[in-house]
Amino acid sequence: QVQLVESGGALVQAGGSLRLSCLASGRTFSSYDMGWFRQAPGKEREFVAAISWRRGSTGYAHSVKGRFTISRDNAKNTVYLQMNRLKPEDTAVYYCAAGSGVLPVAPYYWGQGTQVTVSS
């Protein structure tokens, strides 16, 4: 069982940066691939980025590639999403997920989400 708690969401101007964190509980955190998803109002939840537990391989959605960076610190049971050059269309609730795979990700556990709002 893994429990996930996201933090770091905020209101930011377009062009700005944010770093989201996801703290996991459970002794087996390091054996899960981790991902970030987002859901904008009126839209379906979509994949953003993922990182494997073994080699740290990463994968990104086309819309964020080159702007967002996912990383993990297994010693701290934490996965991060560094978001740069934010755009209004990045506005969404961002969810952390623990599961299997990088591209694609099969999520087994979800966090409660953190709101990111990008103003134009």
Protein backbone atom coordinates (compact mmCIF):
# COMPACT_ATOMS: atom_id res chain seq x y z
CA GLN A 1 0.00 0.00 0.00
CA VAL A 2 1.31 3.47 -0.90
CA GLN A 3 -0.20 6.78 0.19
CA LEU A 4 0.68 9.90 -1.77
CA VAL A 5 0.46 13.55 -0.72
CA GLU A 6 1.13 16.31 -3.23
CA SER A 7 2.19 19.85 -2.42
CA GLY A 8 3.54 22.94 -4.15
CA GLY A 9 0.57 24.00 -6.21
CA ALA A 10 -0.02 27.74 -6.45
CA LEU A 11 -1.12 30.67 -8.56
CA VAL A 12 1.68 31.82 -10.86
CA GLN A 13 2.02 34.14 -13.83
CA ALA A 14 2.65 32.82 -17.30
CA GLY A 15 6.35 32.27 -17.86
CA GLY A 16 6.95 31.48 -14.21
CA SER A 17 8.06 28.29 -12.48
CA LEU A 18 6.76 25.94 -9.82
CA ARG A 19 8.03 22.75 -8.24
CA LEU A 20 5.52 20.16 -7.14
CA SER A 21 6.39 17.51 -4.58
CA CYS A 22 4.79 14.19 -3.86
CA LEU A 23 5.59 12.50 -0.57
CA ALA A 24 4.92 8.78 -0.43
CA SER A 25 4.39 6.62 2.60
CA GLY A 26 5.11 2.94 2.57
CA ARG A 27 8.29 0.97 2.61
CA THR A 28 8.01 -0.09 -1.03
CA PHE A 29 8.04 3.38 -2.59
CA SER A 30 11.30 2.76 -4.39
CA SER A 31 9.88 -0.23 -6.26
CA TYR A 32 7.16 1.77 -8.04
CA ASP A 33 7.39 3.79 -11.17
CA MET A 34 6.03 7.25 -10.45
CA GLY A 35 4.03 9.63 -12.57
CA TRP A 36 2.32 12.99 -12.67
CA PHE A 37 -1.06 13.52 -14.29
CA ARG A 38 -3.27 16.58 -14.54
CA GLN A 39 -6.92 17.36 -15.01
CA ALA A 40 -8.23 20.69 -16.22
CA PRO A 41 -11.86 21.72 -15.69
CA GLY A 42 -14.15 19.94 -18.10
CA LYS A 43 -11.35 17.73 -19.43
CA GLU A 44 -10.20 14.20 -18.82
CA ARG A 45 -7.18 13.43 -16.69
CA GLU A 46 -4.06 13.31 -18.83
CA PHE A 47 -0.53 12.02 -18.46
CA VAL A 48 2.20 14.60 -17.84
CA ALA A 49 5.44 12.82 -16.90
CA ALA A 50 6.79 9.61 -15.38
CA ILE A 51 10.00 8.17 -13.99
CA SER A 52 11.03 4.57 -13.50
CA TRP A 53 12.17 3.24 -10.16
CA ARG A 54 15.08 1.18 -11.45
CA ARG A 55 17.07 3.35 -13.84
CA GLY A 56 15.33 6.68 -13.46
CA SER A 57 14.19 6.60 -17.08
CA THR A 58 11.75 9.39 -17.81
CA GLY A 59 8.91 10.08 -20.20
CA TYR A 60 6.92 13.22 -20.94
CA ALA A 61 3.80 14.33 -22.70
CA HIS A 62 4.56 16.26 -25.85
CA SER A 63 2.89 19.37 -24.43
CA VAL A 64 5.37 19.65 -21.53
CA LYS A 65 8.56 18.19 -22.97
CA GLY A 66 11.42 20.64 -22.61
CA ARG A 67 9.59 22.67 -19.94
CA PHE A 68 8.89 20.14 -17.19
CA THR A 69 11.33 17.83 -15.42
CA ILE A 70 10.41 14.87 -13.25
CA SER A 71 12.81 13.51 -10.66
CA ARG A 72 12.74 11.31 -7.59
CA ASP A 73 14.60 10.89 -4.33
CA ASN A 74 14.04 7.38 -3.07
CA ALA A 75 15.78 8.16 0.22
CA LYS A 76 13.16 10.83 0.89
CA ASN A 77 10.25 8.90 -0.62
CA THR A 78 9.56 11.92 -2.80
CA VAL A 79 8.99 12.60 -6.46
CA TYR A 80 9.19 16.09 -7.91
CA LEU A 81 7.87 17.91 -10.95
CA GLN A 82 9.80 21.04 -11.86
CA MET A 83 7.64 23.17 -14.13
CA ASN A 84 9.23 26.03 -16.07
CA ARG A 85 7.89 28.46 -18.65
CA LEU A 86 4.37 27.82 -17.46
CA LYS A 87 1.46 28.59 -19.76
CA PRO A 88 -2.20 29.28 -18.97
CA GLU A 89 -3.05 25.93 -20.55
CA ASP A 90 -1.01 24.23 -17.81
CA THR A 91 -3.73 25.23 -15.34
CA ALA A 92 -5.09 22.04 -13.77
CA VAL A 93 -5.19 19.88 -10.69
CA TYR A 94 -1.98 17.88 -10.69
CA TYR A 95 -2.03 14.33 -9.35
CA CYS A 96 0.84 12.11 -8.32
CA ALA A 97 0.57 8.41 -9.10
CA ALA A 98 2.50 5.30 -8.17
CA GLY A 99 2.33 2.36 -10.53
CA SER A 100 4.07 0.49 -13.27
CA GLY A 101 5.67 1.69 -16.47
CA VAL A 102 6.83 5.02 -17.82
CA LEU A 103 5.29 5.28 -21.28
CA PRO A 104 2.58 4.38 -20.65
CA VAL A 105 2.01 4.46 -16.92
CA ALA A 106 -0.42 2.09 -15.24
CA PRO A 107 -1.27 3.85 -11.98
CA TYR A 108 -2.14 1.82 -8.91
CA TYR A 109 -2.29 4.60 -6.33
CA TRP A 110 -3.28 8.27 -6.55
CA GLY A 111 -2.72 11.35 -4.45
CA GLN A 112 -5.45 13.86 -3.70
CA GLY A 113 -4.11 16.48 -6.13
CA THR A 114 -2.72 19.99 -5.92
CA GLN A 115 -4.05 23.00 -7.84
CA VAL A 116 -1.83 24.84 -10.29
CA THR A 117 -3.23 28.04 -11.79
CA VAL A 118 -1.31 29.98 -14.42
CA SER A 119 -2.54 33.49 -15.13
CA SER A 120 -1.99 35.20 -18.46
